[in-house]
Amino acid sequence: LLKEESMISAMFSGRYKVECEEDGYYFIDRDGTHFRYILNFLRDGTIVKPNDLFICSEILAEARYYQLRGLIQLLTTVSTLPPLPSTYESLSVPYTERYRDGILHWIATYGFTKPWINPHTTELVKVTASSKHSNASYNNIAHVVGEHEFTFYTKNNVSNPWIQIVFPDEYRVKPTHYVLGSKTGGCPLRNWNLEAAENPKGKFDILSSHKDDETIPKNGEAVTFKIDQPIKKSYQVFKIVGTGPNSGKKDPFIG
């Protein structure tokens, strides 16, 4: 139990007072369904991964809870994703029923074969931003790729705010369309670029640019935008960059 620095090793390190139950067992308020994988990893330093990809994602959630970095690495460095169909080129953000046909939803459901799990939470995609809102109610970045109307905001009064999504290493995309929306009653984007890079260290290309574009409504609905220019490269990283005031002449922010 003490082999790797984790929540479990901290519990039994002697640094904290942990009392056992009357029957001699220690109680951890956690579903024990996959705990054998945790124990076997602590014994052997490895894992025999189930063929079921959904179970793998559940074990990954347990590994994160117990803060077992070695197990997290084993579960995330070996690809468990199905290959992306060559014709599947929409970047839909899947937070309404109409837009559950994009790449993000494909990733989150392992190719439409499993129940949806937020792909940022499972580290299948990585979402970052130029900043986070100071209010905790609006700074959960996982909401950017969530199933519902998201409540994430960058800070305002910051020039060129951005939100970035990095796809898995094995996924490279030549997008034809992308989908954006805004929180109900919010201040939708009016000036922005869609930019992309071939890899996380690559140079960004502008794929689509919008100036004083009032297409995105304030009622929470999402809008599909067509990328007019021919896309010759395949990209792994996509970024929305605010380039001017939002609706209502608000200082640029993304949310």
Protein backbone atom coordinates (compact mmCIF):
# COMPACT_ATOMS: atom_id res chain seq x y z
CA LEU A 1 0.00 0.00 0.00
CA LEU A 2 2.96 2.31 0.52
CA LYS A 3 4.79 1.54 -2.73
CA GLU A 4 3.53 4.59 -4.62
CA GLU A 5 2.72 8.09 -3.39
CA SER A 6 -1.07 8.19 -3.37
CA MET A 7 -4.12 8.78 -1.23
CA ILE A 8 -3.88 5.19 0.02
CA SER A 9 -0.22 5.45 0.99
CA ALA A 10 -0.96 8.72 2.80
CA MET A 11 -3.78 7.04 4.76
CA PHE A 12 -1.49 4.29 6.08
CA SER A 13 1.75 6.25 6.35
CA GLY A 14 1.25 7.03 10.02
CA ARG A 15 0.94 10.74 9.33
CA TYR A 16 -2.80 10.63 9.84
CA LYS A 17 -5.05 8.98 12.40
CA VAL A 18 -7.11 6.37 10.57
CA GLU A 19 -9.41 4.27 12.71
CA CYS A 20 -10.61 0.84 11.64
CA GLU A 21 -14.16 -0.46 12.04
CA GLU A 22 -15.20 -2.84 14.80
CA ASP A 23 -14.67 -5.80 12.48
CA GLY A 24 -11.07 -4.72 11.84
CA TYR A 25 -11.65 -3.32 8.36
CA TYR A 26 -10.92 0.20 7.17
CA PHE A 27 -13.79 2.04 5.50
CA ILE A 28 -13.29 3.99 2.28
CA ASP A 29 -16.42 5.66 0.97
CA ARG A 30 -16.02 4.40 -2.58
CA ASP A 31 -17.69 1.82 -4.81
CA GLY A 32 -15.62 -1.36 -4.55
CA THR A 33 -16.51 -2.77 -7.99
CA HIS A 34 -13.05 -2.19 -9.50
CA PHE A 35 -10.95 -2.09 -6.35
CA ARG A 36 -9.23 -5.38 -7.28
CA TYR A 37 -7.55 -3.51 -10.15
CA ILE A 38 -6.24 -0.98 -7.65
CA LEU A 39 -4.87 -3.69 -5.37
CA ASN A 40 -3.31 -5.66 -8.23
CA PHE A 41 -1.59 -2.53 -9.51
CA LEU A 42 -0.18 -1.85 -6.03
CA ARG A 43 1.08 -5.45 -5.87
CA ASP A 44 2.47 -5.77 -9.40
CA GLY A 45 2.86 -2.25 -10.78
CA THR A 46 0.85 -3.16 -13.88
CA ILE A 47 -2.69 -3.86 -15.01
CA VAL A 48 -4.38 -6.42 -17.25
CA LYS A 49 -6.78 -4.11 -19.04
CA PRO A 50 -10.33 -5.31 -19.64
CA ASN A 51 -11.48 -5.43 -23.25
CA ASP A 52 -14.49 -3.32 -22.31
CA LEU A 53 -13.52 0.31 -22.92
CA PHE A 54 -16.21 1.65 -20.61
CA ILE A 55 -14.85 -0.42 -17.73
CA CYS A 56 -11.38 0.97 -18.51
CA SER A 57 -12.76 4.49 -18.15
CA GLU A 58 -14.34 3.56 -14.80
CA ILE A 59 -11.01 2.15 -13.55
CA LEU A 60 -9.34 5.37 -14.70
CA ALA A 61 -11.80 7.34 -12.57
CA GLU A 62 -10.87 5.17 -9.57
CA ALA A 63 -7.15 5.63 -10.25
CA ARG A 64 -7.65 9.39 -10.22
CA TYR A 65 -9.60 9.22 -6.97
CA TYR A 66 -6.80 7.27 -5.28
CA GLN A 67 -4.18 9.52 -6.97
CA LEU A 68 -2.25 6.58 -8.43
CA ARG A 69 -0.22 8.35 -11.08
CA GLY A 70 1.43 5.17 -12.35
CA LEU A 71 -1.92 3.51 -13.00
CA ILE A 72 -3.30 6.66 -14.59
CA GLN A 73 -0.35 6.67 -16.98
CA LEU A 74 -0.87 3.01 -17.91
CA LEU A 75 -4.54 3.62 -18.63
CA THR A 76 -4.05 6.77 -20.68
CA THR A 77 -0.87 6.12 -22.69
CA VAL A 78 -2.15 2.97 -24.38
CA SER A 79 -4.84 3.91 -26.89
CA THR A 80 -8.31 2.50 -26.27
CA LEU A 81 -10.09 4.57 -28.89
CA PRO A 82 -11.53 3.21 -32.12
CA PRO A 83 -10.10 4.60 -35.37
CA LEU A 84 -11.77 7.76 -36.60
CA PRO A 85 -13.75 7.29 -39.84
CA SER A 86 -12.14 9.21 -42.69
CA THR A 87 -15.43 10.96 -43.51
CA TYR A 88 -16.05 12.08 -39.95
CA GLU A 89 -14.91 15.69 -40.03
CA SER A 90 -17.35 17.74 -37.93
CA LEU A 91 -16.05 19.43 -34.78
CA SER A 92 -19.46 19.55 -33.11
CA VAL A 93 -19.54 20.50 -29.46
CA PRO A 94 -22.04 17.92 -28.14
CA TYR A 95 -24.19 19.79 -25.64
CA THR A 96 -27.54 19.50 -27.41
CA GLU A 97 -29.27 16.51 -29.00
CA ARG A 98 -28.85 17.98 -32.49
CA TYR A 99 -25.07 18.14 -32.24
CA ARG A 100 -24.24 14.69 -30.89
CA ASP A 101 -22.72 13.65 -34.21
CA GLY A 102 -19.30 15.31 -33.99
CA ILE A 103 -15.82 14.08 -33.20
CA LEU A 104 -16.00 15.09 -29.54
CA HIS A 105 -19.04 12.93 -28.99
CA TRP A 106 -17.42 10.09 -30.94
CA ILE A 107 -14.45 10.25 -28.57
CA ALA A 108 -16.59 10.56 -25.44
CA THR A 109 -18.62 7.48 -26.37
CA TYR A 110 -15.76 5.40 -27.82
CA GLY A 111 -17.23 5.52 -31.29
CA PHE A 112 -20.87 5.59 -30.18
CA THR A 113 -20.47 2.22 -28.43
CA LYS A 114 -20.51 3.29 -24.75
CA PRO A 115 -22.36 5.73 -22.48
CA TRP A 116 -21.06 9.29 -22.72
CA ILE A 117 -18.34 10.34 -20.29
CA ASN A 118 -16.83 13.81 -20.43
CA PRO A 119 -13.66 13.34 -22.55
CA HIS A 120 -11.71 16.00 -20.68
CA THR A 121 -12.39 14.26 -17.37
CA THR A 122 -11.10 10.97 -18.76
CA GLU A 123 -8.12 12.76 -20.40
CA LEU A 124 -9.09 11.58 -23.87
CA VAL A 125 -9.00 15.24 -24.90
CA LYS A 126 -7.27 18.11 -23.16
CA VAL A 127 -9.05 21.44 -22.79
CA THR A 128 -7.13 24.57 -21.77
CA ALA A 129 -7.92 28.27 -21.75
CA SER A 130 -6.15 31.61 -21.63
CA SER A 131 -7.70 32.21 -18.19
CA LYS A 132 -10.53 31.11 -15.90
CA HIS A 133 -13.28 33.20 -14.38
CA SER A 134 -12.74 34.03 -10.70
CA ASN A 135 -16.23 32.75 -9.81
CA ALA A 136 -16.04 29.01 -9.12
CA SER A 137 -19.48 28.56 -10.71
CA TYR A 138 -18.01 29.53 -14.08
CA ASN A 139 -14.52 28.00 -14.15
CA ASN A 140 -15.03 24.26 -14.67
CA ILE A 141 -13.20 23.88 -17.96
CA ALA A 142 -14.58 20.36 -18.52
CA HIS A 143 -17.90 22.05 -19.35
CA VAL A 144 -16.41 23.23 -22.64
CA VAL A 145 -16.79 19.67 -23.98
CA GLY A 146 -19.77 18.78 -21.78
CA GLU A 147 -23.14 17.39 -22.83
CA HIS A 148 -25.13 20.39 -21.69
CA GLU A 149 -25.04 24.16 -22.03
CA PHE A 150 -21.65 24.92 -20.55
CA THR A 151 -20.91 27.43 -17.82
CA PHE A 152 -17.25 28.19 -18.34
CA TYR A 153 -15.93 31.71 -18.89
CA THR A 154 -12.51 33.15 -19.45
CA LYS A 155 -11.75 36.41 -17.66
CA ASN A 156 -12.93 39.54 -19.42
CA ASN A 157 -10.74 42.61 -20.01
CA VAL A 158 -8.08 40.28 -21.43
CA SER A 159 -7.09 40.71 -25.06
CA ASN A 160 -7.48 37.73 -27.40
CA PRO A 161 -8.94 35.21 -24.92
CA TRP A 162 -8.92 31.61 -26.13
CA ILE A 163 -10.14 28.09 -25.44
CA GLN A 164 -8.15 25.17 -26.85
CA ILE A 165 -8.97 21.49 -27.41
CA VAL A 166 -6.25 18.89 -28.06
CA PHE A 167 -7.41 15.63 -29.59
CA PRO A 168 -5.76 12.25 -28.85
CA ASP A 169 -2.40 11.64 -30.53
CA GLU A 170 -3.87 9.20 -33.03
CA TYR A 171 -6.55 11.63 -34.24
CA ARG A 172 -5.79 14.16 -36.98
CA VAL A 173 -8.69 16.04 -38.54
CA LYS A 174 -9.40 18.02 -41.71
CA PRO A 175 -12.50 19.88 -40.50
CA THR A 176 -15.29 21.02 -42.79
CA HIS A 177 -17.65 22.43 -40.11
CA TYR A 178 -17.63 23.38 -36.45
CA VAL A 179 -20.30 24.23 -33.90
CA LEU A 180 -20.41 27.07 -31.35
CA GLY A 181 -23.03 28.26 -28.91
CA SER A 182 -23.40 30.43 -25.84
CA LYS A 183 -24.98 30.21 -22.41
CA THR A 184 -28.64 31.26 -22.31
CA GLY A 185 -28.81 34.98 -21.60
CA GLY A 186 -25.07 35.37 -22.10
CA CYS A 187 -23.01 37.60 -24.37
CA PRO A 188 -22.21 35.46 -27.43
CA LEU A 189 -19.08 35.81 -29.49
CA ARG A 190 -19.24 38.32 -32.29
CA ASN A 191 -15.56 38.46 -33.25
CA TRP A 192 -13.43 35.31 -33.28
CA ASN A 193 -11.10 33.00 -35.16
CA LEU A 194 -11.03 29.22 -35.40
CA GLU A 195 -7.35 28.30 -35.41
CA ALA A 196 -5.63 24.92 -35.61
CA ALA A 197 -2.19 23.34 -35.26
CA GLU A 198 -0.87 19.99 -36.47
CA ASN A 199 0.37 19.14 -32.96
CA PRO A 200 0.53 20.83 -29.52
CA LYS A 201 3.86 22.49 -30.37
CA GLY A 202 2.95 23.44 -33.91
CA LYS A 203 2.19 26.79 -35.50
CA PHE A 204 -1.48 27.80 -35.59
CA ASP A 205 -3.27 28.42 -38.88
CA ILE A 206 -6.46 30.49 -39.09
CA LEU A 207 -9.16 28.27 -40.58
CA SER A 208 -12.12 30.62 -40.17
CA SER A 209 -12.37 34.29 -39.18
CA HIS A 210 -15.50 36.18 -38.06
CA LYS A 211 -15.92 39.93 -37.59
CA ASP A 212 -19.11 41.49 -36.20
CA ASP A 213 -20.85 38.16 -36.81
CA GLU A 214 -24.20 38.04 -34.96
CA THR A 215 -25.06 34.46 -35.94
CA ILE A 216 -24.75 32.93 -32.45
CA PRO A 217 -28.04 33.63 -30.59
CA LYS A 218 -28.45 34.50 -26.91
CA ASN A 219 -30.92 31.70 -26.18
CA GLY A 220 -28.37 28.93 -25.70
CA GLU A 221 -28.80 27.43 -29.18
CA ALA A 222 -25.72 26.20 -31.01
CA VAL A 223 -24.88 27.10 -34.61
CA THR A 224 -23.00 25.14 -37.25
CA PHE A 225 -20.36 27.11 -39.16
CA LYS A 226 -18.97 25.91 -42.46
CA ILE A 227 -15.25 26.33 -43.08
CA ASP A 228 -15.12 27.89 -46.52
CA GLN A 229 -11.46 27.54 -47.33
CA PRO A 230 -10.08 24.17 -48.48
CA ILE A 231 -8.22 22.45 -45.64
CA LYS A 232 -5.05 20.74 -46.84
CA LYS A 233 -3.53 19.76 -43.47
CA SER A 234 -4.74 17.39 -40.78
CA TYR A 235 -4.87 18.96 -37.32
CA GLN A 236 -4.76 17.74 -33.73
CA VAL A 237 -5.22 21.05 -31.87
CA PHE A 238 -8.11 23.49 -32.27
CA LYS A 239 -8.52 26.90 -30.69
CA ILE A 240 -11.27 29.53 -30.56
CA VAL A 241 -9.73 32.99 -30.15
CA GLY A 242 -11.75 36.10 -29.29
CA THR A 243 -10.63 38.99 -31.49
CA GLY A 244 -13.04 41.77 -30.48
CA PRO A 245 -16.07 42.71 -28.38
CA ASN A 246 -18.81 40.21 -27.66
CA SER A 247 -22.54 40.85 -27.97
CA GLY A 248 -23.58 44.05 -26.24
CA LYS A 249 -20.12 45.51 -26.87
CA LYS A 250 -18.85 43.57 -23.88
CA ASP A 251 -15.11 43.20 -23.47
CA PRO A 252 -13.93 40.04 -25.24
CA PHE A 253 -14.27 36.82 -23.29
CA ILE A 254 -15.24 33.28 -24.21
CA GLY A 255 -18.09 31.49 -22.47
